[in-house]
mmCIF file of all heavy atoms, coordinates in Angstrom:
data_MODEL
# 
_entry.id   MODEL 
# 
loop_
_atom_site.group_PDB 
_atom_site.id 
_atom_site.type_symbol 
_atom_site.label_atom_id 
_atom_site.label_alt_id 
_atom_site.label_comp_id 
_atom_site.label_asym_id 
_atom_site.label_entity_id 
_atom_site.label_seq_id 
_atom_site.pdbx_PDB_ins_code 
_atom_site.Cartn_x 
_atom_site.Cartn_y 
_atom_site.Cartn_z 
_atom_site.occupancy 
_atom_site.B_iso_or_equiv 
_atom_site.pdbx_formal_charge 
_atom_site.auth_seq_id 
_atom_site.auth_comp_id 
_atom_site.auth_asym_id 
_atom_site.auth_atom_id 
_atom_site.pdbx_PDB_model_num 
ATOM 1   N N   . ASN A 1 1  ? -22.380 69.565 5.940  1.00 0.00 ? 1  ASN A N   1 
ATOM 2   C CA  . ASN A 1 1  ? -22.129 69.806 4.583  1.00 0.00 ? 1  ASN A CA  1 
ATOM 3   C C   . ASN A 1 1  ? -21.833 68.480 3.855  1.00 0.00 ? 1  ASN A C   1 
ATOM 4   O O   . ASN A 1 1  ? -20.824 67.803 4.111  1.00 0.00 ? 1  ASN A O   1 
ATOM 5   C CB  . ASN A 1 1  ? -20.943 70.725 4.422  1.00 0.00 ? 1  ASN A CB  1 
ATOM 6   C CG  . ASN A 1 1  ? -20.679 71.220 3.047  1.00 0.00 ? 1  ASN A CG  1 
ATOM 7   O OD1 . ASN A 1 1  ? -21.236 70.659 2.069  1.00 0.00 ? 1  ASN A OD1 1 
ATOM 8   N ND2 . ASN A 1 1  ? -19.885 72.308 2.887  1.00 0.00 ? 1  ASN A ND2 1 
ATOM 9   N N   . VAL A 1 2  ? -22.696 68.135 2.866  1.00 0.00 ? 2  VAL A N   1 
ATOM 10  C CA  . VAL A 1 2  ? -22.569 66.924 2.166  1.00 0.00 ? 2  VAL A CA  1 
ATOM 11  C C   . VAL A 1 2  ? -21.251 66.865 1.387  1.00 0.00 ? 2  VAL A C   1 
ATOM 12  O O   . VAL A 1 2  ? -20.757 65.774 1.087  1.00 0.00 ? 2  VAL A O   1 
ATOM 13  C CB  . VAL A 1 2  ? -23.727 66.623 1.199  1.00 0.00 ? 2  VAL A CB  1 
ATOM 14  C CG1 . VAL A 1 2  ? -25.035 66.469 2.033  1.00 0.00 ? 2  VAL A CG1 1 
ATOM 15  C CG2 . VAL A 1 2  ? -23.872 67.726 0.193  1.00 0.00 ? 2  VAL A CG2 1 
ATOM 16  N N   . ASN A 1 3  ? -20.723 68.026 1.055  1.00 0.00 ? 3  ASN A N   1 
ATOM 17  C CA  . ASN A 1 3  ? -19.442 68.031 0.385  1.00 0.00 ? 3  ASN A CA  1 
ATOM 18  C C   . ASN A 1 3  ? -18.238 67.576 1.213  1.00 0.00 ? 3  ASN A C   1 
ATOM 19  O O   . ASN A 1 3  ? -17.142 67.384 0.692  1.00 0.00 ? 3  ASN A O   1 
ATOM 20  C CB  . ASN A 1 3  ? -19.159 69.477 -0.110 1.00 0.00 ? 3  ASN A CB  1 
ATOM 21  C CG  . ASN A 1 3  ? -20.145 69.911 -1.249 1.00 0.00 ? 3  ASN A CG  1 
ATOM 22  O OD1 . ASN A 1 3  ? -20.569 69.108 -1.989 1.00 0.00 ? 3  ASN A OD1 1 
ATOM 23  N ND2 . ASN A 1 3  ? -20.489 71.165 -1.223 1.00 0.00 ? 3  ASN A ND2 1 
ATOM 24  N N   . ASP A 1 4  ? -18.438 67.490 2.551  1.00 0.00 ? 4  ASP A N   1 
ATOM 25  C CA  . ASP A 1 4  ? -17.458 67.022 3.442  1.00 0.00 ? 4  ASP A CA  1 
ATOM 26  C C   . ASP A 1 4  ? -17.482 65.464 3.595  1.00 0.00 ? 4  ASP A C   1 
ATOM 27  O O   . ASP A 1 4  ? -16.709 64.894 4.393  1.00 0.00 ? 4  ASP A O   1 
ATOM 28  C CB  . ASP A 1 4  ? -17.614 67.620 4.836  1.00 0.00 ? 4  ASP A CB  1 
ATOM 29  C CG  . ASP A 1 4  ? -17.298 69.059 4.871  1.00 0.00 ? 4  ASP A CG  1 
ATOM 30  O OD1 . ASP A 1 4  ? -16.479 69.547 4.009  1.00 0.00 ? 4  ASP A OD1 1 
ATOM 31  O OD2 . ASP A 1 4  ? -17.807 69.836 5.718  1.00 0.00 ? 4  ASP A OD2 1 
ATOM 32  N N   . ALA A 1 5  ? -18.318 64.796 2.850  1.00 0.00 ? 5  ALA A N   1 
ATOM 33  C CA  . ALA A 1 5  ? -18.568 63.376 3.065  1.00 0.00 ? 5  ALA A CA  1 
ATOM 34  C C   . ALA A 1 5  ? -17.329 62.547 2.951  1.00 0.00 ? 5  ALA A C   1 
ATOM 35  O O   . ALA A 1 5  ? -17.129 61.608 3.754  1.00 0.00 ? 5  ALA A O   1 
ATOM 36  C CB  . ALA A 1 5  ? -19.616 62.877 2.025  1.00 0.00 ? 5  ALA A CB  1 
ATOM 37  N N   . SER A 1 6  ? -16.363 62.886 1.996  1.00 0.00 ? 6  SER A N   1 
ATOM 38  C CA  . SER A 1 6  ? -15.247 61.996 1.832  1.00 0.00 ? 6  SER A CA  1 
ATOM 39  C C   . SER A 1 6  ? -14.361 62.062 3.069  1.00 0.00 ? 6  SER A C   1 
ATOM 40  O O   . SER A 1 6  ? -13.793 60.986 3.428  1.00 0.00 ? 6  SER A O   1 
ATOM 41  C CB  . SER A 1 6  ? -14.462 62.471 0.622  1.00 0.00 ? 6  SER A CB  1 
ATOM 42  O OG  . SER A 1 6  ? -14.016 63.782 0.761  1.00 0.00 ? 6  SER A OG  1 
ATOM 43  N N   . ARG A 1 7  ? -14.221 63.210 3.742  1.00 0.00 ? 7  ARG A N   1 
ATOM 44  C CA  . ARG A 1 7  ? -13.385 63.304 4.917  1.00 0.00 ? 7  ARG A CA  1 
ATOM 45  C C   . ARG A 1 7  ? -14.091 62.752 6.169  1.00 0.00 ? 7  ARG A C   1 
ATOM 46  O O   . ARG A 1 7  ? -13.547 62.108 7.017  1.00 0.00 ? 7  ARG A O   1 
ATOM 47  C CB  . ARG A 1 7  ? -12.940 64.732 5.175  1.00 0.00 ? 7  ARG A CB  1 
ATOM 48  C CG  . ARG A 1 7  ? -11.898 65.170 4.095  1.00 0.00 ? 7  ARG A CG  1 
ATOM 49  C CD  . ARG A 1 7  ? -11.459 66.613 4.363  1.00 0.00 ? 7  ARG A CD  1 
ATOM 50  N NE  . ARG A 1 7  ? -12.422 67.555 4.190  1.00 0.00 ? 7  ARG A NE  1 
ATOM 51  C CZ  . ARG A 1 7  ? -12.759 68.134 3.013  1.00 0.00 ? 7  ARG A CZ  1 
ATOM 52  N NH1 . ARG A 1 7  ? -12.057 67.779 1.922  1.00 0.00 ? 7  ARG A NH1 1 
ATOM 53  N NH2 . ARG A 1 7  ? -13.727 69.040 2.860  1.00 0.00 ? 7  ARG A NH2 1 
ATOM 54  N N   . LEU A 1 8  ? -15.409 63.040 6.231  1.00 0.00 ? 8  LEU A N   1 
ATOM 55  C CA  . LEU A 1 8  ? -16.209 62.502 7.337  1.00 0.00 ? 8  LEU A CA  1 
ATOM 56  C C   . LEU A 1 8  ? -16.247 60.934 7.344  1.00 0.00 ? 8  LEU A C   1 
ATOM 57  O O   . LEU A 1 8  ? -16.314 60.305 8.388  1.00 0.00 ? 8  LEU A O   1 
ATOM 58  C CB  . LEU A 1 8  ? -17.650 63.054 7.258  1.00 0.00 ? 8  LEU A CB  1 
ATOM 59  C CG  . LEU A 1 8  ? -17.834 64.457 7.586  1.00 0.00 ? 8  LEU A CG  1 
ATOM 60  C CD1 . LEU A 1 8  ? -19.274 64.965 7.273  1.00 0.00 ? 8  LEU A CD1 1 
ATOM 61  C CD2 . LEU A 1 8  ? -17.462 64.819 9.030  1.00 0.00 ? 8  LEU A CD2 1 
ATOM 62  N N   . ALA A 1 9  ? -16.113 60.378 6.165  1.00 0.00 ? 9  ALA A N   1 
ATOM 63  C CA  . ALA A 1 9  ? -16.156 58.949 6.056  1.00 0.00 ? 9  ALA A CA  1 
ATOM 64  C C   . ALA A 1 9  ? -14.895 58.266 6.612  1.00 0.00 ? 9  ALA A C   1 
ATOM 65  O O   . ALA A 1 9  ? -14.851 57.040 6.842  1.00 0.00 ? 9  ALA A O   1 
ATOM 66  C CB  . ALA A 1 9  ? -16.278 58.543 4.572  1.00 0.00 ? 9  ALA A CB  1 
ATOM 67  N N   . THR A 1 10 ? -13.896 59.050 7.016  1.00 0.00 ? 10 THR A N   1 
ATOM 68  C CA  . THR A 1 10 ? -12.682 58.475 7.556  1.00 0.00 ? 10 THR A CA  1 
ATOM 69  C C   . THR A 1 10 ? -12.748 58.429 9.087  1.00 0.00 ? 10 THR A C   1 
ATOM 70  O O   . THR A 1 10 ? -11.852 57.895 9.707  1.00 0.00 ? 10 THR A O   1 
ATOM 71  C CB  . THR A 1 10 ? -11.423 59.368 7.178  1.00 0.00 ? 10 THR A CB  1 
ATOM 72  O OG1 . THR A 1 10 ? -11.554 60.627 7.774  1.00 0.00 ? 10 THR A OG1 1 
ATOM 73  C CG2 . THR A 1 10 ? -11.327 59.490 5.659  1.00 0.00 ? 10 THR A CG2 1 
ATOM 74  N N   . LEU A 1 11 ? -13.869 58.949 9.693  1.00 0.00 ? 11 LEU A N   1 
ATOM 75  C CA  . LEU A 1 11 ? -13.916 58.989 11.130 1.00 0.00 ? 11 LEU A CA  1 
ATOM 76  C C   . LEU A 1 11 ? -15.086 58.157 11.682 1.00 0.00 ? 11 LEU A C   1 
ATOM 77  O O   . LEU A 1 11 ? -16.132 58.005 10.985 1.00 0.00 ? 11 LEU A O   1 
ATOM 78  C CB  . LEU A 1 11 ? -14.228 60.455 11.593 1.00 0.00 ? 11 LEU A CB  1 
ATOM 79  C CG  . LEU A 1 11 ? -13.083 61.432 11.475 1.00 0.00 ? 11 LEU A CG  1 
ATOM 80  C CD1 . LEU A 1 11 ? -13.662 62.861 11.733 1.00 0.00 ? 11 LEU A CD1 1 
ATOM 81  C CD2 . LEU A 1 11 ? -12.009 61.194 12.491 1.00 0.00 ? 11 LEU A CD2 1 
ATOM 82  N N   . PRO A 1 12 ? -14.988 57.624 12.887 1.00 0.00 ? 12 PRO A N   1 
ATOM 83  C CA  . PRO A 1 12 ? -16.184 57.090 13.597 1.00 0.00 ? 12 PRO A CA  1 
ATOM 84  C C   . PRO A 1 12 ? -17.095 58.250 13.921 1.00 0.00 ? 12 PRO A C   1 
ATOM 85  O O   . PRO A 1 12 ? -16.671 59.259 14.615 1.00 0.00 ? 12 PRO A O   1 
ATOM 86  C CB  . PRO A 1 12 ? -15.553 56.441 14.837 1.00 0.00 ? 12 PRO A CB  1 
ATOM 87  C CG  . PRO A 1 12 ? -14.146 56.228 14.595 1.00 0.00 ? 12 PRO A CG  1 
ATOM 88  C CD  . PRO A 1 12 ? -13.733 57.408 13.657 1.00 0.00 ? 12 PRO A CD  1 
ATOM 89  N N   . LEU A 1 13 ? -18.310 58.164 13.460 1.00 0.00 ? 13 LEU A N   1 
ATOM 90  C CA  . LEU A 1 13 ? -19.309 59.198 13.795 1.00 0.00 ? 13 LEU A CA  1 
ATOM 91  C C   . LEU A 1 13 ? -20.632 58.606 14.345 1.00 0.00 ? 13 LEU A C   1 
ATOM 92  O O   . LEU A 1 13 ? -21.030 57.529 13.921 1.00 0.00 ? 13 LEU A O   1 
ATOM 93  C CB  . LEU A 1 13 ? -19.699 59.982 12.473 1.00 0.00 ? 13 LEU A CB  1 
ATOM 94  C CG  . LEU A 1 13 ? -18.578 60.705 11.743 1.00 0.00 ? 13 LEU A CG  1 
ATOM 95  C CD1 . LEU A 1 13 ? -19.125 61.228 10.448 1.00 0.00 ? 13 LEU A CD1 1 
ATOM 96  C CD2 . LEU A 1 13 ? -18.030 61.853 12.533 1.00 0.00 ? 13 LEU A CD2 1 
ATOM 97  N N   . TRP A 1 14 ? -21.173 59.318 15.293 1.00 0.00 ? 14 TRP A N   1 
ATOM 98  C CA  . TRP A 1 14 ? -22.525 58.881 15.793 1.00 0.00 ? 14 TRP A CA  1 
ATOM 99  C C   . TRP A 1 14 ? -23.390 60.092 15.653 1.00 0.00 ? 14 TRP A C   1 
ATOM 100 O O   . TRP A 1 14 ? -23.225 61.096 16.413 1.00 0.00 ? 14 TRP A O   1 
ATOM 101 C CB  . TRP A 1 14 ? -22.435 58.429 17.273 1.00 0.00 ? 14 TRP A CB  1 
ATOM 102 C CG  . TRP A 1 14 ? -23.684 57.819 17.733 1.00 0.00 ? 14 TRP A CG  1 
ATOM 103 C CD1 . TRP A 1 14 ? -24.809 57.540 17.034 1.00 0.00 ? 14 TRP A CD1 1 
ATOM 104 C CD2 . TRP A 1 14 ? -23.933 57.354 19.080 1.00 0.00 ? 14 TRP A CD2 1 
ATOM 105 N NE1 . TRP A 1 14 ? -25.779 56.943 17.846 1.00 0.00 ? 14 TRP A NE1 1 
ATOM 106 C CE2 . TRP A 1 14 ? -25.230 56.813 19.076 1.00 0.00 ? 14 TRP A CE2 1 
ATOM 107 C CE3 . TRP A 1 14 ? -23.198 57.326 20.259 1.00 0.00 ? 14 TRP A CE3 1 
ATOM 108 C CZ2 . TRP A 1 14 ? -25.851 56.320 20.238 1.00 0.00 ? 14 TRP A CZ2 1 
ATOM 109 C CZ3 . TRP A 1 14 ? -23.771 56.814 21.385 1.00 0.00 ? 14 TRP A CZ3 1 
ATOM 110 C CH2 . TRP A 1 14 ? -25.062 56.324 21.396 1.00 0.00 ? 14 TRP A CH2 1 
ATOM 111 N N   . ILE A 1 15 ? -24.321 59.994 14.719 1.00 0.00 ? 15 ILE A N   1 
ATOM 112 C CA  . ILE A 1 15 ? -25.235 61.111 14.450 1.00 0.00 ? 15 ILE A CA  1 
ATOM 113 C C   . ILE A 1 15 ? -26.638 60.706 14.929 1.00 0.00 ? 15 ILE A C   1 
ATOM 114 O O   . ILE A 1 15 ? -27.149 59.671 14.621 1.00 0.00 ? 15 ILE A O   1 
ATOM 115 C CB  . ILE A 1 15 ? -25.260 61.425 12.890 1.00 0.00 ? 15 ILE A CB  1 
ATOM 116 C CG1 . ILE A 1 15 ? -23.845 61.873 12.448 1.00 0.00 ? 15 ILE A CG1 1 
ATOM 117 C CG2 . ILE A 1 15 ? -26.278 62.483 12.574 1.00 0.00 ? 15 ILE A CG2 1 
ATOM 118 C CD1 . ILE A 1 15 ? -23.675 62.037 10.928 1.00 0.00 ? 15 ILE A CD1 1 
ATOM 119 N N   . GLN A 1 16 ? -27.213 61.618 15.748 1.00 0.00 ? 16 GLN A N   1 
ATOM 120 C CA  . GLN A 1 16 ? -28.546 61.272 16.346 1.00 0.00 ? 16 GLN A CA  1 
ATOM 121 C C   . GLN A 1 16 ? -29.491 62.437 16.130 1.00 0.00 ? 16 GLN A C   1 
ATOM 122 O O   . GLN A 1 16 ? -29.126 63.647 16.169 1.00 0.00 ? 16 GLN A O   1 
ATOM 123 C CB  . GLN A 1 16 ? -28.332 61.098 17.869 1.00 0.00 ? 16 GLN A CB  1 
ATOM 124 C CG  . GLN A 1 16 ? -27.216 60.040 18.202 1.00 0.00 ? 16 GLN A CG  1 
ATOM 125 C CD  . GLN A 1 16 ? -27.062 59.801 19.709 1.00 0.00 ? 16 GLN A CD  1 
ATOM 126 O OE1 . GLN A 1 16 ? -28.043 59.443 20.383 1.00 0.00 ? 16 GLN A OE1 1 
ATOM 127 N NE2 . GLN A 1 16 ? -25.830 60.038 20.156 1.00 0.00 ? 16 GLN A NE2 1 
ATOM 128 N N   . HIS A 1 17 ? -30.726 62.060 15.986 1.00 0.00 ? 17 HIS A N   1 
ATOM 129 C CA  . HIS A 1 17 ? -31.739 63.011 15.665 1.00 0.00 ? 17 HIS A CA  1 
ATOM 130 C C   . HIS A 1 17 ? -33.187 62.509 16.101 1.00 0.00 ? 17 HIS A C   1 
ATOM 131 O O   . HIS A 1 17 ? -33.446 61.356 15.893 1.00 0.00 ? 17 HIS A O   1 
ATOM 132 C CB  . HIS A 1 17 ? -31.834 63.375 14.181 1.00 0.00 ? 17 HIS A CB  1 
ATOM 133 C CG  . HIS A 1 17 ? -32.067 64.810 13.909 1.00 0.00 ? 17 HIS A CG  1 
ATOM 134 N ND1 . HIS A 1 17 ? -31.204 65.635 13.241 1.00 0.00 ? 17 HIS A ND1 1 
ATOM 135 C CD2 . HIS A 1 17 ? -33.151 65.576 14.173 1.00 0.00 ? 17 HIS A CD2 1 
ATOM 136 C CE1 . HIS A 1 17 ? -31.718 66.885 13.143 1.00 0.00 ? 17 HIS A CE1 1 
ATOM 137 N NE2 . HIS A 1 17 ? -32.907 66.844 13.691 1.00 0.00 ? 17 HIS A NE2 1 
ATOM 138 N N   . GLY A 1 18 ? -33.906 63.361 16.737 1.00 0.00 ? 18 GLY A N   1 
ATOM 139 C CA  . GLY A 1 18 ? -35.239 63.014 17.096 1.00 0.00 ? 18 GLY A CA  1 
ATOM 140 C C   . GLY A 1 18 ? -36.234 63.099 15.974 1.00 0.00 ? 18 GLY A C   1 
ATOM 141 O O   . GLY A 1 18 ? -36.140 63.952 15.109 1.00 0.00 ? 18 GLY A O   1 
ATOM 142 N N   . ASN A 1 19 ? -37.152 62.093 15.902 1.00 0.00 ? 19 ASN A N   1 
ATOM 143 C CA  . ASN A 1 19 ? -38.078 62.090 14.793 1.00 0.00 ? 19 ASN A CA  1 
ATOM 144 C C   . ASN A 1 19 ? -39.277 63.098 14.993 1.00 0.00 ? 19 ASN A C   1 
ATOM 145 O O   . ASN A 1 19 ? -40.160 63.207 14.115 1.00 0.00 ? 19 ASN A O   1 
ATOM 146 C CB  . ASN A 1 19 ? -38.657 60.698 14.584 1.00 0.00 ? 19 ASN A CB  1 
ATOM 147 C CG  . ASN A 1 19 ? -39.446 60.205 15.683 1.00 0.00 ? 19 ASN A CG  1 
ATOM 148 O OD1 . ASN A 1 19 ? -39.606 60.816 16.757 1.00 0.00 ? 19 ASN A OD1 1 
ATOM 149 N ND2 . ASN A 1 19 ? -40.061 58.955 15.516 1.00 0.00 ? 19 ASN A ND2 1 
ATOM 150 N N   . LYS A 1 20 ? -39.243 63.881 16.047 1.00 0.00 ? 20 LYS A N   1 
ATOM 151 C CA  . LYS A 1 20 ? -40.279 64.857 16.355 1.00 0.00 ? 20 LYS A CA  1 
ATOM 152 C C   . LYS A 1 20 ? -39.632 66.276 16.405 1.00 0.00 ? 20 LYS A C   1 
ATOM 153 O O   . LYS A 1 20 ? -40.221 67.213 17.019 1.00 0.00 ? 20 LYS A O   1 
ATOM 154 C CB  . LYS A 1 20 ? -41.037 64.576 17.594 1.00 0.00 ? 20 LYS A CB  1 
ATOM 155 C CG  . LYS A 1 20 ? -41.776 63.251 17.626 1.00 0.00 ? 20 LYS A CG  1 
ATOM 156 C CD  . LYS A 1 20 ? -42.895 63.212 16.569 1.00 0.00 ? 20 LYS A CD  1 
ATOM 157 C CE  . LYS A 1 20 ? -43.699 61.834 16.650 1.00 0.00 ? 20 LYS A CE  1 
ATOM 158 N NZ  . LYS A 1 20 ? -44.688 61.764 15.598 1.00 0.00 ? 20 LYS A NZ  1 
ATOM 159 N N   . ASP A 1 21 ? -38.474 66.392 15.792 1.00 0.00 ? 21 ASP A N   1 
ATOM 160 C CA  . ASP A 1 21 ? -37.770 67.651 15.776 1.00 0.00 ? 21 ASP A CA  1 
ATOM 161 C C   . ASP A 1 21 ? -38.300 68.532 14.615 1.00 0.00 ? 21 ASP A C   1 
ATOM 162 O O   . ASP A 1 21 ? -38.047 68.195 13.462 1.00 0.00 ? 21 ASP A O   1 
ATOM 163 C CB  . ASP A 1 21 ? -36.260 67.457 15.647 1.00 0.00 ? 21 ASP A CB  1 
ATOM 164 C CG  . ASP A 1 21 ? -35.438 68.685 15.849 1.00 0.00 ? 21 ASP A CG  1 
ATOM 165 O OD1 . ASP A 1 21 ? -35.997 69.823 15.726 1.00 0.00 ? 21 ASP A OD1 1 
ATOM 166 O OD2 . ASP A 1 21 ? -34.283 68.544 16.264 1.00 0.00 ? 21 ASP A OD2 1 
ATOM 167 N N   . TYR A 1 22 ? -39.010 69.618 14.991 1.00 0.00 ? 22 TYR A N   1 
ATOM 168 C CA  . TYR A 1 22 ? -39.548 70.506 13.979 1.00 0.00 ? 22 TYR A CA  1 
ATOM 169 C C   . TYR A 1 22 ? -38.781 71.773 13.864 1.00 0.00 ? 22 TYR A C   1 
ATOM 170 O O   . TYR A 1 22 ? -39.153 72.681 13.081 1.00 0.00 ? 22 TYR A O   1 
ATOM 171 C CB  . TYR A 1 22 ? -41.047 70.784 14.263 1.00 0.00 ? 22 TYR A CB  1 
ATOM 172 C CG  . TYR A 1 22 ? -41.871 69.501 14.345 1.00 0.00 ? 22 TYR A CG  1 
ATOM 173 C CD1 . TYR A 1 22 ? -42.517 69.143 15.545 1.00 0.00 ? 22 TYR A CD1 1 
ATOM 174 C CD2 . TYR A 1 22 ? -41.974 68.660 13.272 1.00 0.00 ? 22 TYR A CD2 1 
ATOM 175 C CE1 . TYR A 1 22 ? -43.229 67.912 15.640 1.00 0.00 ? 22 TYR A CE1 1 
ATOM 176 C CE2 . TYR A 1 22 ? -42.755 67.448 13.325 1.00 0.00 ? 22 TYR A CE2 1 
ATOM 177 C CZ  . TYR A 1 22 ? -43.328 67.103 14.508 1.00 0.00 ? 22 TYR A CZ  1 
ATOM 178 O OH  . TYR A 1 22 ? -44.006 65.945 14.565 1.00 0.00 ? 22 TYR A OH  1 
ATOM 179 N N   . ILE A 1 23 ? -37.677 71.903 14.595 1.00 0.00 ? 23 ILE A N   1 
ATOM 180 C CA  . ILE A 1 23 ? -36.819 73.051 14.532 1.00 0.00 ? 23 ILE A CA  1 
ATOM 181 C C   . ILE A 1 23 ? -35.691 72.809 13.484 1.00 0.00 ? 23 ILE A C   1 
ATOM 182 O O   . ILE A 1 23 ? -35.502 73.567 12.520 1.00 0.00 ? 23 ILE A O   1 
ATOM 183 C CB  . ILE A 1 23 ? -36.157 73.373 15.898 1.00 0.00 ? 23 ILE A CB  1 
ATOM 184 C CG1 . ILE A 1 23 ? -37.223 73.573 16.998 1.00 0.00 ? 23 ILE A CG1 1 
ATOM 185 C CG2 . ILE A 1 23 ? -35.295 74.637 15.811 1.00 0.00 ? 23 ILE A CG2 1 
ATOM 186 C CD1 . ILE A 1 23 ? -38.185 74.771 16.673 1.00 0.00 ? 23 ILE A CD1 1 
ATOM 187 N N   . VAL A 1 24 ? -35.022 71.690 13.636 1.00 0.00 ? 24 VAL A N   1 
ATOM 188 C CA  . VAL A 1 24 ? -34.086 71.174 12.640 1.00 0.00 ? 24 VAL A CA  1 
ATOM 189 C C   . VAL A 1 24 ? -34.568 69.842 12.239 1.00 0.00 ? 24 VAL A C   1 
ATOM 190 O O   . VAL A 1 24 ? -34.582 68.884 13.018 1.00 0.00 ? 24 VAL A O   1 
ATOM 191 C CB  . VAL A 1 24 ? -32.650 71.070 13.158 1.00 0.00 ? 24 VAL A CB  1 
ATOM 192 C CG1 . VAL A 1 24 ? -31.698 70.506 12.111 1.00 0.00 ? 24 VAL A CG1 1 
ATOM 193 C CG2 . VAL A 1 24 ? -32.144 72.504 13.629 1.00 0.00 ? 24 VAL A CG2 1 
ATOM 194 N N   . ARG A 1 25 ? -35.024 69.665 11.049 1.00 0.00 ? 25 ARG A N   1 
ATOM 195 C CA  . ARG A 1 25 ? -35.634 68.448 10.567 1.00 0.00 ? 25 ARG A CA  1 
ATOM 196 C C   . ARG A 1 25 ? -34.612 67.301 10.556 1.00 0.00 ? 25 ARG A C   1 
ATOM 197 O O   . ARG A 1 25 ? -33.418 67.510 10.235 1.00 0.00 ? 25 ARG A O   1 
ATOM 198 C CB  . ARG A 1 25 ? -36.262 68.666 9.198  1.00 0.00 ? 25 ARG A CB  1 
ATOM 199 C CG  . ARG A 1 25 ? -37.363 69.678 9.175  1.00 0.00 ? 25 ARG A CG  1 
ATOM 200 C CD  . ARG A 1 25 ? -38.593 69.141 9.649  1.00 0.00 ? 25 ARG A CD  1 
ATOM 201 N NE  . ARG A 1 25 ? -39.747 70.097 9.655  1.00 0.00 ? 25 ARG A NE  1 
ATOM 202 C CZ  . ARG A 1 25 ? -41.021 69.791 9.869  1.00 0.00 ? 25 ARG A CZ  1 
ATOM 203 N NH1 . ARG A 1 25 ? -41.305 68.518 10.202 1.00 0.00 ? 25 ARG A NH1 1 
ATOM 204 N NH2 . ARG A 1 25 ? -41.938 70.672 9.870  1.00 0.00 ? 25 ARG A NH2 1 
ATOM 205 N N   . MET A 1 26 ? -35.140 66.163 10.819 1.00 0.00 ? 26 MET A N   1 
ATOM 206 C CA  . MET A 1 26 ? -34.287 64.933 10.813 1.00 0.00 ? 26 MET A CA  1 
ATOM 207 C C   . MET A 1 26 ? -33.607 64.734 9.490  1.00 0.00 ? 26 MET A C   1 
ATOM 208 O O   . MET A 1 26 ? -32.500 64.130 9.400  1.00 0.00 ? 26 MET A O   1 
ATOM 209 C CB  . MET A 1 26 ? -35.049 63.752 11.290 1.00 0.00 ? 26 MET A CB  1 
ATOM 210 C CG  . MET A 1 26 ? -34.227 62.504 11.612 1.00 0.00 ? 26 MET A CG  1 
ATOM 211 S SD  . MET A 1 26 ? -35.267 61.190 12.241 1.00 0.00 ? 26 MET A SD  1 
ATOM 212 C CE  . MET A 1 26 ? -36.213 60.743 10.845 1.00 0.00 ? 26 MET A CE  1 
ATOM 213 N N   . SER A 1 27 ? -34.185 65.244 8.451  1.00 0.00 ? 27 SER A N   1 
ATOM 214 C CA  . SER A 1 27 ? -33.628 65.048 7.066  1.00 0.00 ? 27 SER A CA  1 
ATOM 215 C C   . SER A 1 27 ? -32.277 65.759 6.990  1.00 0.00 ? 27 SER A C   1 
ATOM 216 O O   . SER A 1 27 ? -31.419 65.336 6.160  1.00 0.00 ? 27 SER A O   1 
ATOM 217 C CB  . SER A 1 27 ? -34.637 65.680 6.018  1.00 0.00 ? 27 SER A CB  1 
ATOM 218 O OG  . SER A 1 27 ? -34.819 67.001 6.296  1.00 0.00 ? 27 SER A OG  1 
ATOM 219 N N   . GLU A 1 28 ? -32.009 66.727 7.824  1.00 0.00 ? 28 GLU A N   1 
ATOM 220 C CA  . GLU A 1 28 ? -30.690 67.440 7.820  1.00 0.00 ? 28 GLU A CA  1 
ATOM 221 C C   . GLU A 1 28 ? -29.594 66.449 8.189  1.00 0.00 ? 28 GLU A C   1 
ATOM 222 O O   . GLU A 1 28 ? -28.485 66.493 7.612  1.00 0.00 ? 28 GLU A O   1 
ATOM 223 C CB  . GLU A 1 28 ? -30.711 68.594 8.756  1.00 0.00 ? 28 GLU A CB  1 
ATOM 224 C CG  . GLU A 1 28 ? -31.525 69.828 8.237  1.00 0.00 ? 28 GLU A CG  1 
ATOM 225 C CD  . GLU A 1 28 ? -30.877 70.419 6.990  1.00 0.00 ? 28 GLU A CD  1 
ATOM 226 O OE1 . GLU A 1 28 ? -29.788 71.039 7.129  1.00 0.00 ? 28 GLU A OE1 1 
ATOM 227 O OE2 . GLU A 1 28 ? -31.479 70.264 5.886  1.00 0.00 ? 28 GLU A OE2 1 
ATOM 228 N N   . SER A 1 29 ? -29.854 65.600 9.192  1.00 0.00 ? 29 SER A N   1 
ATOM 229 C CA  . SER A 1 29 ? -28.856 64.682 9.613  1.00 0.00 ? 29 SER A CA  1 
ATOM 230 C C   . SER A 1 29 ? -28.791 63.509 8.599  1.00 0.00 ? 29 SER A C   1 
ATOM 231 O O   . SER A 1 29 ? -27.686 63.041 8.225  1.00 0.00 ? 29 SER A O   1 
ATOM 232 C CB  . SER A 1 29 ? -29.152 64.051 10.948 1.00 0.00 ? 29 SER A CB  1 
ATOM 233 O OG  . SER A 1 29 ? -28.863 64.953 11.994 1.00 0.00 ? 29 SER A OG  1 
# 
């Protein structure tokens, strides 16, 4: 949820996504 950005910004996060993912598009991450 992009509305959570301010709180997510306070944490170390590692977000990973495959560029051939056609089930959940990489644009979601």
